[in-house]
Amino acid sequence: MKLSKIFLQSINDIFSWEIIKLALVIGIPLAFIWIGIGSLFWDSLVGVTSNFISWIPFSVLKANAAFLIGGFSWVIAILVTYALIMALFNVPIYKLLPQKRYELFSIVLIILIAVFWTLFAVFNWDFVYKELEKVLTWFPFQTLQEGVAALLAILVFYNLFVVSLYLVVLFFNKPFLEAIAEKDYPSAQKNAISKKSPGKVIARDIVIFFIFLLVCFPLFFVPFVNILVQIFLWAWLIKESYFLSAASLYAKDDEIERLNEHGLVKWAMAFVASVVNILPILNIFAPFFAQTMFFHWVMQNRK
């Protein structure tokens, strides 16, 4: 089956009310937990990132600060626009749409707002970037250094949130995957695997993820490259473990070996799912989206 169809089918699955509720129940409390942990260790982590930044030339720091603040402003713009639209039109929309359609409308609205502000940033990036750089020149180095250190500390805690959400969904994916199997593949029979264990792959990839995150940390000061590096690391994190966790329910050993040869396909699905991590609110659906894509790909290509 073509990846485009798997992509659309997976979107339809995560728009189901059951997965939306599951994502909210898991994602929101987990976010508050990491906000609490972040507040406890905030000063220590900012101190570490600030010491690292002290070795960075001011011109590089200023350019990176402009890019990071631009990205932060992009997220705020999406959230504020969504909040304004819902505050003004929520009542008539809720009355016109049934509950399932209402949830679908909310998610589609966020996507459209994100696309709008992304296009705005792309077509006006030179202007926005220059204006941000001008503003940053007004600040002394110490203030700018502290600002970038805080943004990088947020990035570290956000990665911890992504990894923890990825793990929770990975360990509790069986119920919603079995529900999808009953709906889309009613004749499918389970085949427990005996040689392939996701546990070792999960532990290995988490360790490698944080090693690469530390090694690639200097690249987070290069605009646009930092986004690509971050998405690549997220894709690496989920590529093998999410494939094996989906395949372990229904695929045989020889089928797993055969599917495992399609590395480019696995990278493509992991990369697409990882992009969702940068979208506010929708990021809590990213691991569900990834898992359903791998599951549909395995189910439709296991024979």
C-alpha atoms as a PDB file:
ATOM      1  CA  MET A   1       0.000   0.000   0.000  1.00  0.00           C
ATOM      2  CA  LYS A   2       1.227   3.497  -0.803  1.00  0.00           C
ATOM      3  CA  LEU A   3       2.570   5.555   2.073  1.00  0.00           C
ATOM      4  CA  SER A   4       0.194   8.390   1.219  1.00  0.00           C
ATOM      5  CA  LYS A   5      -2.799   6.118   1.901  1.00  0.00           C
ATOM      6  CA  ILE A   6      -1.237   4.874   5.129  1.00  0.00           C
ATOM      7  CA  PHE A   7      -0.641   8.495   6.112  1.00  0.00           C
ATOM      8  CA  LEU A   8      -4.303   9.429   5.536  1.00  0.00           C
ATOM      9  CA  GLN A   9      -5.568   6.271   7.201  1.00  0.00           C
ATOM     10  CA  SER A  10      -3.458   7.008  10.284  1.00  0.00           C
ATOM     11  CA  ILE A  11      -4.765  10.568  10.451  1.00  0.00           C
ATOM     12  CA  ASN A  12      -8.294   9.192  10.391  1.00  0.00           C
ATOM     13  CA  ASP A  13      -7.410   6.834  13.261  1.00  0.00           C
ATOM     14  CA  ILE A  14      -5.983   9.493  15.567  1.00  0.00           C
ATOM     15  CA  PHE A  15      -9.048  11.665  14.916  1.00  0.00           C
ATOM     16  CA  SER A  16     -11.181   9.003  16.592  1.00  0.00           C
ATOM     17  CA  TRP A  17     -12.616  10.142  19.895  1.00  0.00           C
ATOM     18  CA  GLU A  18     -11.049   7.192  21.748  1.00  0.00           C
ATOM     19  CA  ILE A  19      -7.487   8.117  20.765  1.00  0.00           C
ATOM     20  CA  ILE A  20      -8.139  11.831  21.303  1.00  0.00           C
ATOM     21  CA  LYS A  21      -9.240  11.107  24.867  1.00  0.00           C
ATOM     22  CA  LEU A  22      -6.244   8.816  25.412  1.00  0.00           C
ATOM     23  CA  ALA A  23      -3.828  11.436  24.078  1.00  0.00           C
ATOM     24  CA  LEU A  24      -5.293  14.126  26.323  1.00  0.00           C
ATOM     25  CA  VAL A  25      -5.299  11.881  29.400  1.00  0.00           C
ATOM     26  CA  ILE A  26      -1.647  10.921  28.843  1.00  0.00           C
ATOM     27  CA  GLY A  27      -0.168  14.058  27.267  1.00  0.00           C
ATOM     28  CA  ILE A  28      -1.556  16.834  29.473  1.00  0.00           C
ATOM     29  CA  PRO A  29      -0.640  15.318  32.879  1.00  0.00           C
ATOM     30  CA  LEU A  30       2.795  14.364  31.538  1.00  0.00           C
ATOM     31  CA  ALA A  31       3.346  17.941  30.390  1.00  0.00           C
ATOM     32  CA  PHE A  32       2.473  19.277  33.851  1.00  0.00           C
ATOM     33  CA  ILE A  33       4.802  16.743  35.457  1.00  0.00           C
ATOM     34  CA  TRP A  34       7.727  17.979  33.358  1.00  0.00           C
ATOM     35  CA  ILE A  35       6.791  21.601  34.022  1.00  0.00           C
ATOM     36  CA  GLY A  36       7.007  20.799  37.727  1.00  0.00           C
ATOM     37  CA  ILE A  37      10.332  18.988  37.360  1.00  0.00           C
ATOM     38  CA  GLY A  38      11.613  21.818  35.189  1.00  0.00           C
ATOM     39  CA  SER A  39      10.782  24.400  37.833  1.00  0.00           C
ATOM     40  CA  LEU A  40      12.749  22.402  40.427  1.00  0.00           C
ATOM     41  CA  PHE A  41      15.908  22.044  38.322  1.00  0.00           C
ATOM     42  CA  TRP A  42      15.550  25.208  36.245  1.00  0.00           C
ATOM     43  CA  ASP A  43      18.405  27.219  37.774  1.00  0.00           C
ATOM     44  CA  SER A  44      20.850  24.319  37.539  1.00  0.00           C
ATOM     45  CA  LEU A  45      20.107  23.584  33.877  1.00  0.00           C
ATOM     46  CA  VAL A  46      20.171  27.266  32.892  1.00  0.00           C
ATOM     47  CA  GLY A  47      23.557  27.516  34.619  1.00  0.00           C
ATOM     48  CA  VAL A  48      24.883  24.635  32.502  1.00  0.00           C
ATOM     49  CA  THR A  49      23.541  26.022  29.206  1.00  0.00           C
ATOM     50  CA  SER A  50      24.767  29.522  30.117  1.00  0.00           C
ATOM     51  CA  ASN A  51      28.305  28.238  30.717  1.00  0.00           C
ATOM     52  CA  PHE A  52      28.215  26.485  27.344  1.00  0.00           C
ATOM     53  CA  ILE A  53      26.974  29.647  25.620  1.00  0.00           C
ATOM     54  CA  SER A  54      29.821  31.709  27.125  1.00  0.00           C
ATOM     55  CA  TRP A  55      32.121  30.051  24.546  1.00  0.00           C
ATOM     56  CA  ILE A  56      29.928  31.109  21.625  1.00  0.00           C
ATOM     57  CA  PRO A  57      30.854  34.282  19.644  1.00  0.00           C
ATOM     58  CA  PHE A  58      28.364  37.135  20.050  1.00  0.00           C
ATOM     59  CA  SER A  59      27.468  37.224  16.319  1.00  0.00           C
ATOM     60  CA  VAL A  60      26.560  33.522  16.350  1.00  0.00           C
ATOM     61  CA  LEU A  61      24.677  33.933  19.609  1.00  0.00           C
ATOM     62  CA  LYS A  62      22.717  36.880  18.237  1.00  0.00           C
ATOM     63  CA  ALA A  63      21.755  35.013  15.041  1.00  0.00           C
ATOM     64  CA  ASN A  64      20.697  31.931  16.979  1.00  0.00           C
ATOM     65  CA  ALA A  65      18.739  34.011  19.487  1.00  0.00           C
ATOM     66  CA  ALA A  66      16.832  35.658  16.650  1.00  0.00           C
ATOM     67  CA  PHE A  67      15.962  32.286  15.193  1.00  0.00           C
ATOM     68  CA  LEU A  68      14.937  30.757  18.548  1.00  0.00           C
ATOM     69  CA  ILE A  69      12.848  33.769  19.498  1.00  0.00           C
ATOM     70  CA  GLY A  70      11.280  33.699  16.044  1.00  0.00           C
ATOM     71  CA  GLY A  71      10.336  30.049  16.556  1.00  0.00           C
ATOM     72  CA  PHE A  72       8.992  30.781  20.024  1.00  0.00           C
ATOM     73  CA  SER A  73       6.944  33.661  18.600  1.00  0.00           C
ATOM     74  CA  TRP A  74       5.595  31.276  15.929  1.00  0.00           C
ATOM     75  CA  VAL A  75       4.309  28.923  18.627  1.00  0.00           C
ATOM     76  CA  ILE A  76       2.756  31.809  20.584  1.00  0.00           C
ATOM     77  CA  ALA A  77       1.110  33.139  17.413  1.00  0.00           C
ATOM     78  CA  ILE A  78      -0.503  29.753  16.739  1.00  0.00           C
ATOM     79  CA  LEU A  79      -1.803  29.435  20.294  1.00  0.00           C
ATOM     80  CA  VAL A  80      -3.098  33.015  20.471  1.00  0.00           C
ATOM     81  CA  THR A  81      -4.810  32.779  17.071  1.00  0.00           C
ATOM     82  CA  TYR A  82      -6.455  29.492  18.023  1.00  0.00           C
ATOM     83  CA  ALA A  83      -7.557  30.900  21.386  1.00  0.00           C
ATOM     84  CA  LEU A  84      -9.074  34.017  19.763  1.00  0.00           C
ATOM     85  CA  ILE A  85     -10.977  32.013  17.145  1.00  0.00           C
ATOM     86  CA  MET A  86     -12.353  29.605  19.735  1.00  0.00           C
ATOM     87  CA  ALA A  87     -13.251  32.436  22.124  1.00  0.00           C
ATOM     88  CA  LEU A  88     -15.215  34.286  19.416  1.00  0.00           C
ATOM     89  CA  PHE A  89     -16.801  31.387  17.554  1.00  0.00           C
ATOM     90  CA  ASN A  90     -16.740  28.404  19.907  1.00  0.00           C
ATOM     91  CA  VAL A  91     -20.448  28.525  20.857  1.00  0.00           C
ATOM     92  CA  PRO A  92     -21.896  28.545  17.304  1.00  0.00           C
ATOM     93  CA  ILE A  93     -19.336  25.954  16.137  1.00  0.00           C
ATOM     94  CA  TYR A  94     -20.185  23.633  19.048  1.00  0.00           C
ATOM     95  CA  LYS A  95     -23.901  23.910  18.272  1.00  0.00           C
ATOM     96  CA  LEU A  96     -23.455  23.236  14.560  1.00  0.00           C
ATOM     97  CA  LEU A  97     -21.090  20.263  14.816  1.00  0.00           C
ATOM     98  CA  PRO A  98     -21.521  16.888  16.549  1.00  0.00           C
ATOM     99  CA  GLN A  99     -18.943  15.954  19.188  1.00  0.00           C
ATOM    100  CA  LYS A 100     -16.722  13.862  16.901  1.00  0.00           C
ATOM    101  CA  ARG A 101     -16.801  16.494  14.184  1.00  0.00           C
ATOM    102  CA  TYR A 102     -16.081  19.187  16.755  1.00  0.00           C
ATOM    103  CA  GLU A 103     -12.862  17.478  17.855  1.00  0.00           C
ATOM    104  CA  LEU A 104     -11.865  16.963  14.227  1.00  0.00           C
ATOM    105  CA  PHE A 105     -12.570  20.622  13.496  1.00  0.00           C
ATOM    106  CA  SER A 106     -10.364  21.722  16.406  1.00  0.00           C
ATOM    107  CA  ILE A 107      -7.402  19.671  15.193  1.00  0.00           C
ATOM    108  CA  VAL A 108      -7.822  20.757  11.568  1.00  0.00           C
ATOM    109  CA  LEU A 109      -8.077  24.377  12.721  1.00  0.00           C
ATOM    110  CA  ILE A 110      -4.754  24.125  14.553  1.00  0.00           C
ATOM    111  CA  ILE A 111      -3.119  22.626  11.454  1.00  0.00           C
ATOM    112  CA  LEU A 112      -4.473  25.403   9.233  1.00  0.00           C
ATOM    113  CA  ILE A 113      -3.320  28.097  11.667  1.00  0.00           C
ATOM    114  CA  ALA A 114       0.139  26.497  11.840  1.00  0.00           C
ATOM    115  CA  VAL A 115       0.326  26.385   8.030  1.00  0.00           C
ATOM    116  CA  PHE A 116      -0.749  30.033   7.811  1.00  0.00           C
ATOM    117  CA  TRP A 117       1.881  31.292  10.243  1.00  0.00           C
ATOM    118  CA  THR A 118       4.530  29.033   8.680  1.00  0.00           C
ATOM    119  CA  LEU A 119       3.847  30.507   5.228  1.00  0.00           C
ATOM    120  CA  PHE A 120       3.862  33.989   6.732  1.00  0.00           C
ATOM    121  CA  ALA A 121       7.253  33.330   8.343  1.00  0.00           C
ATOM    122  CA  VAL A 122       8.708  31.808   5.164  1.00  0.00           C
ATOM    123  CA  PHE A 123       7.647  34.636   2.869  1.00  0.00           C
ATOM    124  CA  ASN A 124       8.607  37.341   5.378  1.00  0.00           C
ATOM    125  CA  TRP A 125      11.571  35.649   7.026  1.00  0.00           C
ATOM    126  CA  ASP A 126      14.227  38.147   5.916  1.00  0.00           C
ATOM    127  CA  PHE A 127      12.229  41.038   7.343  1.00  0.00           C
ATOM    128  CA  VAL A 128      11.361  39.223  10.574  1.00  0.00           C
ATOM    129  CA  TYR A 129      14.911  37.948  11.043  1.00  0.00           C
ATOM    130  CA  LYS A 130      16.500  41.373  10.523  1.00  0.00           C
ATOM    131  CA  GLU A 131      14.047  43.035  12.886  1.00  0.00           C
ATOM    132  CA  LEU A 132      14.721  40.453  15.585  1.00  0.00           C
ATOM    133  CA  GLU A 133      18.477  40.921  15.163  1.00  0.00           C
ATOM    134  CA  LYS A 134      18.060  44.693  15.515  1.00  0.00           C
ATOM    135  CA  VAL A 135      16.128  44.241  18.732  1.00  0.00           C
ATOM    136  CA  LEU A 136      18.735  41.841  20.088  1.00  0.00           C
ATOM    137  CA  THR A 137      21.537  44.364  19.549  1.00  0.00           C
ATOM    138  CA  TRP A 138      19.918  46.553  22.187  1.00  0.00           C
ATOM    139  CA  PHE A 139      20.640  43.982  24.884  1.00  0.00           C
ATOM    140  CA  PRO A 140      23.995  43.517  26.631  1.00  0.00           C
ATOM    141  CA  PHE A 141      25.715  40.190  26.079  1.00  0.00           C
ATOM    142  CA  GLN A 142      24.872  38.896  29.542  1.00  0.00           C
ATOM    143  CA  THR A 143      21.133  39.485  29.059  1.00  0.00           C
ATOM    144  CA  LEU A 144      21.170  37.884  25.611  1.00  0.00           C
ATOM    145  CA  GLN A 145      23.184  34.972  26.953  1.00  0.00           C
ATOM    146  CA  GLU A 146      20.672  34.375  29.727  1.00  0.00           C
ATOM    147  CA  GLY A 147      17.782  34.525  27.255  1.00  0.00           C
ATOM    148  CA  VAL A 148      19.297  31.947  24.905  1.00  0.00           C
ATOM    149  CA  ALA A 149      20.308  29.771  27.873  1.00  0.00           C
ATOM    150  CA  ALA A 150      16.684  29.756  29.041  1.00  0.00           C
ATOM    151  CA  LEU A 151      15.424  28.809  25.568  1.00  0.00           C
ATOM    152  CA  LEU A 152      17.924  25.946  25.334  1.00  0.00           C
ATOM    153  CA  ALA A 153      16.913  24.752  28.794  1.00  0.00           C
ATOM    154  CA  ILE A 154      13.298  24.664  27.598  1.00  0.00           C
ATOM    155  CA  LEU A 155      14.481  22.618  24.604  1.00  0.00           C
ATOM    156  CA  VAL A 156      16.136  20.082  26.918  1.00  0.00           C
ATOM    157  CA  PHE A 157      13.015  19.680  29.054  1.00  0.00           C
ATOM    158  CA  TYR A 158      10.855  19.442  25.948  1.00  0.00           C
ATOM    159  CA  ASN A 159      13.002  16.571  24.683  1.00  0.00           C
ATOM    160  CA  LEU A 160      12.530  14.829  28.026  1.00  0.00           C
ATOM    161  CA  PHE A 161       8.775  15.304  27.655  1.00  0.00           C
ATOM    162  CA  VAL A 162       8.847  13.873  24.103  1.00  0.00           C
ATOM    163  CA  VAL A 163      10.866  10.835  25.198  1.00  0.00           C
ATOM    164  CA  SER A 164       8.604  10.142  28.178  1.00  0.00           C
ATOM    165  CA  LEU A 165       5.451  10.486  26.046  1.00  0.00           C
ATOM    166  CA  TYR A 166       7.005   8.191  23.448  1.00  0.00           C
ATOM    167  CA  LEU A 167       7.695   5.580  26.139  1.00  0.00           C
ATOM    168  CA  VAL A 168       4.245   5.731  27.718  1.00  0.00           C
ATOM    169  CA  VAL A 169       2.513   5.292  24.359  1.00  0.00           C
ATOM    170  CA  LEU A 170       4.951   2.544  23.412  1.00  0.00           C
ATOM    171  CA  PHE A 171       4.255   0.491  26.526  1.00  0.00           C
ATOM    172  CA  PHE A 172       0.488   0.994  26.430  1.00  0.00           C
ATOM    173  CA  ASN A 173      -0.134   0.766  22.689  1.00  0.00           C
ATOM    174  CA  LYS A 174      -1.709  -2.685  22.659  1.00  0.00           C
ATOM    175  CA  PRO A 175      -5.338  -1.699  23.436  1.00  0.00           C
ATOM    176  CA  PHE A 176      -5.706   0.952  20.740  1.00  0.00           C
ATOM    177  CA  LEU A 177      -3.756  -1.053  18.149  1.00  0.00           C
ATOM    178  CA  GLU A 178      -5.961  -4.076  18.769  1.00  0.00           C
ATOM    179  CA  ALA A 179      -9.022  -1.837  18.385  1.00  0.00           C
ATOM    180  CA  ILE A 180      -7.690  -0.639  15.023  1.00  0.00           C
ATOM    181  CA  ALA A 181      -6.991  -4.252  14.007  1.00  0.00           C
ATOM    182  CA  GLU A 182     -10.550  -5.304  14.865  1.00  0.00           C
ATOM    183  CA  LYS A 183     -11.915  -2.445  12.801  1.00  0.00           C
ATOM    184  CA  ASP A 184      -9.638  -2.564   9.741  1.00  0.00           C
ATOM    185  CA  TYR A 185      -8.241  -6.123   9.800  1.00  0.00           C
ATOM    186  CA  PRO A 186     -10.922  -8.345  11.384  1.00  0.00           C
ATOM    187  CA  SER A 187      -9.484 -11.542   9.880  1.00  0.00           C
ATOM    188  CA  ALA A 188      -5.940 -10.913  11.143  1.00  0.00           C
ATOM    189  CA  GLN A 189      -4.469 -13.462  13.543  1.00  0.00           C
ATOM    190  CA  LYS A 190      -1.905 -12.649  16.199  1.00  0.00           C
ATOM    191  CA  ASN A 191       1.542 -14.178  15.888  1.00  0.00           C
ATOM    192  CA  ALA A 192       3.727 -13.642  18.929  1.00  0.00           C
ATOM    193  CA  ILE A 193       7.372 -13.175  17.987  1.00  0.00           C
ATOM    194  CA  SER A 194      10.066 -15.198  19.709  1.00  0.00           C
ATOM    195  CA  LYS A 195      13.340 -13.649  18.620  1.00  0.00           C
ATOM    196  CA  LYS A 196      12.639  -9.936  18.232  1.00  0.00           C
ATOM    197  CA  SER A 197      12.272  -8.048  21.511  1.00  0.00           C
ATOM    198  CA  PRO A 198      11.471  -4.300  21.419  1.00  0.00           C
ATOM    199  CA  GLY A 199      12.860  -3.873  24.943  1.00  0.00           C
ATOM    200  CA  LYS A 200      16.541  -3.975  23.980  1.00  0.00           C
ATOM    201  CA  VAL A 201      15.922  -1.737  20.962  1.00  0.00           C
ATOM    202  CA  ILE A 202      14.079   0.805  23.126  1.00  0.00           C
ATOM    203  CA  ALA A 203      16.899   0.992  25.687  1.00  0.00           C
ATOM    204  CA  ARG A 204      19.554   1.218  22.963  1.00  0.00           C
ATOM    205  CA  ASP A 205      17.807   3.976  21.008  1.00  0.00           C
ATOM    206  CA  ILE A 206      17.121   6.108  24.090  1.00  0.00           C
ATOM    207  CA  VAL A 207      20.797   5.978  25.072  1.00  0.00           C
ATOM    208  CA  ILE A 208      21.904   6.803  21.525  1.00  0.00           C
ATOM    209  CA  PHE A 209      19.313   9.596  21.325  1.00  0.00           C
ATOM    210  CA  PHE A 210      20.691  11.430  24.359  1.00  0.00           C
ATOM    211  CA  ILE A 211      24.299  10.848  23.286  1.00  0.00           C
ATOM    212  CA  PHE A 212      23.564  12.350  19.871  1.00  0.00           C
ATOM    213  CA  LEU A 213      21.601  15.176  21.507  1.00  0.00           C
ATOM    214  CA  LEU A 214      24.690  16.061  23.542  1.00  0.00           C
ATOM    215  CA  VAL A 215      27.113  15.655  20.621  1.00  0.00           C
ATOM    216  CA  CYS A 216      24.919  17.685  18.250  1.00  0.00           C
ATOM    217  CA  PHE A 217      24.263  20.438  20.787  1.00  0.00           C
ATOM    218  CA  PRO A 218      26.524  22.959  18.967  1.00  0.00           C
ATOM    219  CA  LEU A 219      24.380  22.513  15.835  1.00  0.00           C
ATOM    220  CA  PHE A 220      21.420  23.979  17.719  1.00  0.00           C
ATOM    221  CA  PHE A 221      23.095  27.363  17.215  1.00  0.00           C
ATOM    222  CA  VAL A 222      22.777  27.086  13.421  1.00  0.00           C
ATOM    223  CA  PRO A 223      19.380  28.378  12.172  1.00  0.00           C
ATOM    224  CA  PHE A 224      17.256  25.830  10.270  1.00  0.00           C
ATOM    225  CA  VAL A 225      19.929  23.171  10.774  1.00  0.00           C
ATOM    226  CA  ASN A 226      18.863  22.922  14.419  1.00  0.00           C
ATOM    227  CA  ILE A 227      15.291  22.043  13.388  1.00  0.00           C
ATOM    228  CA  LEU A 228      16.461  19.357  10.963  1.00  0.00           C
ATOM    229  CA  VAL A 229      18.825  17.876  13.556  1.00  0.00           C
ATOM    230  CA  GLN A 230      16.078  17.784  16.170  1.00  0.00           C
ATOM    231  CA  ILE A 231      13.582  16.109  13.830  1.00  0.00           C
ATOM    232  CA  PHE A 232      16.256  13.609  12.751  1.00  0.00           C
ATOM    233  CA  LEU A 233      16.933  12.669  16.380  1.00  0.00           C
ATOM    234  CA  TRP A 234      13.224  12.193  17.102  1.00  0.00           C
ATOM    235  CA  ALA A 235      12.904  10.059  13.972  1.00  0.00           C
ATOM    236  CA  TRP A 236      15.851   7.932  15.063  1.00  0.00           C
ATOM    237  CA  LEU A 237      14.230   7.472  18.465  1.00  0.00           C
ATOM    238  CA  ILE A 238      10.999   5.971  17.121  1.00  0.00           C
ATOM    239  CA  LYS A 239      12.066   4.308  13.871  1.00  0.00           C
ATOM    240  CA  GLU A 240      13.010   0.831  15.114  1.00  0.00           C
ATOM    241  CA  SER A 241      11.131   0.570  18.391  1.00  0.00           C
ATOM    242  CA  TYR A 242       7.775   1.662  16.970  1.00  0.00           C
ATOM    243  CA  PHE A 243       8.216  -0.682  14.020  1.00  0.00           C
ATOM    244  CA  LEU A 244       8.975  -3.654  16.284  1.00  0.00           C
ATOM    245  CA  SER A 245       6.220  -2.818  18.758  1.00  0.00           C
ATOM    246  CA  ALA A 246       3.674  -2.802  15.917  1.00  0.00           C
ATOM    247  CA  ALA A 247       5.100  -5.884  14.203  1.00  0.00           C
ATOM    248  CA  SER A 248       5.358  -7.887  17.431  1.00  0.00           C
ATOM    249  CA  LEU A 249       1.561  -8.184  17.689  1.00  0.00           C
ATOM    250  CA  TYR A 250       0.747  -9.732  14.315  1.00  0.00           C
ATOM    251  CA  ALA A 251       3.865 -10.349  12.176  1.00  0.00           C
ATOM    252  CA  LYS A 252       5.963 -13.518  12.099  1.00  0.00           C
ATOM    253  CA  ASP A 253       9.736 -13.556  12.471  1.00  0.00           C
ATOM    254  CA  ASP A 254      10.408 -13.982   8.754  1.00  0.00           C
ATOM    255  CA  GLU A 255       7.944 -11.195   7.934  1.00  0.00           C
ATOM    256  CA  ILE A 256       9.677  -8.867  10.388  1.00  0.00           C
ATOM    257  CA  GLU A 257      13.049  -9.657   8.817  1.00  0.00           C
ATOM    258  CA  ARG A 258      11.685  -8.909   5.355  1.00  0.00           C
ATOM    259  CA  LEU A 259       9.989  -5.660   6.380  1.00  0.00           C
ATOM    260  CA  ASN A 260      13.061  -4.604   8.321  1.00  0.00           C
ATOM    261  CA  GLU A 261      14.958  -4.343   5.027  1.00  0.00           C
ATOM    262  CA  HIS A 262      12.830  -1.347   3.987  1.00  0.00           C
ATOM    263  CA  GLY A 263      14.851   1.178   5.948  1.00  0.00           C
ATOM    264  CA  LEU A 264      13.933   4.147   3.778  1.00  0.00           C
ATOM    265  CA  VAL A 265      10.209   3.548   4.333  1.00  0.00           C
ATOM    266  CA  LYS A 266      10.691   3.385   8.091  1.00  0.00           C
ATOM    267  CA  TRP A 267      12.729   6.591   8.048  1.00  0.00           C
ATOM    268  CA  ALA A 268      10.024   8.345   5.991  1.00  0.00           C
ATOM    269  CA  MET A 269       7.236   7.411   8.424  1.00  0.00           C
ATOM    270  CA  ALA A 270       9.348   8.291  11.452  1.00  0.00           C
ATOM    271  CA  PHE A 271      10.343  11.650   9.946  1.00  0.00           C
ATOM    272  CA  VAL A 272       6.740  12.603   9.096  1.00  0.00           C
ATOM    273  CA  ALA A 273       5.563  11.677  12.598  1.00  0.00           C
ATOM    274  CA  SER A 274       8.453  13.590  14.195  1.00  0.00           C
ATOM    275  CA  VAL A 275       7.506  16.802  12.391  1.00  0.00           C
ATOM    276  CA  VAL A 276       4.258  16.780  14.390  1.00  0.00           C
ATOM    277  CA  ASN A 277       6.345  17.239  17.562  1.00  0.00           C
ATOM    278  CA  ILE A 278       7.028  20.864  16.620  1.00  0.00           C
ATOM    279  CA  LEU A 279       3.318  21.720  16.315  1.00  0.00           C
ATOM    280  CA  PRO A 280       1.813  23.038  19.567  1.00  0.00           C
ATOM    281  CA  ILE A 281      -1.109  21.066  21.026  1.00  0.00           C
ATOM    282  CA  LEU A 282      -0.895  18.491  18.215  1.00  0.00           C
ATOM    283  CA  ASN A 283       2.462  17.292  19.567  1.00  0.00           C
ATOM    284  CA  ILE A 284       0.689  15.060  22.114  1.00  0.00           C
ATOM    285  CA  PHE A 285      -0.723  13.091  19.159  1.00  0.00           C
ATOM    286  CA  ALA A 286       2.696  12.529  17.531  1.00  0.00           C
ATOM    287  CA  PRO A 287       3.480   9.113  19.105  1.00  0.00           C
ATOM    288  CA  PHE A 288      -0.046   7.838  18.369  1.00  0.00           C
ATOM    289  CA  PHE A 289       0.324   8.996  14.772  1.00  0.00           C
ATOM    290  CA  ALA A 290       3.703   7.268  14.497  1.00  0.00           C
ATOM    291  CA  GLN A 291       2.473   4.022  15.996  1.00  0.00           C
ATOM    292  CA  THR A 292      -0.623   3.805  13.782  1.00  0.00           C
ATOM    293  CA  MET A 293       1.437   4.498  10.638  1.00  0.00           C
ATOM    294  CA  PHE A 294       3.884   1.704  11.440  1.00  0.00           C
ATOM    295  CA  PHE A 295       1.006  -0.593  12.388  1.00  0.00           C
ATOM    296  CA  HIS A 296      -0.867  -0.071   9.098  1.00  0.00           C
ATOM    297  CA  TRP A 297       2.353  -0.508   7.113  1.00  0.00           C
ATOM    298  CA  VAL A 298       3.126  -3.789   8.879  1.00  0.00           C
ATOM    299  CA  MET A 299      -0.407  -5.129   8.564  1.00  0.00           C
ATOM    300  CA  GLN A 300      -0.665  -4.353   4.868  1.00  0.00           C
ATOM    301  CA  ASN A 301       2.777  -5.660   3.911  1.00  0.00           C
ATOM    302  CA  ARG A 302       3.306  -8.640   6.209  1.00  0.00           C
ATOM    303  CA  LYS A 303       2.371 -11.262   3.625  1.00  0.00           C
END
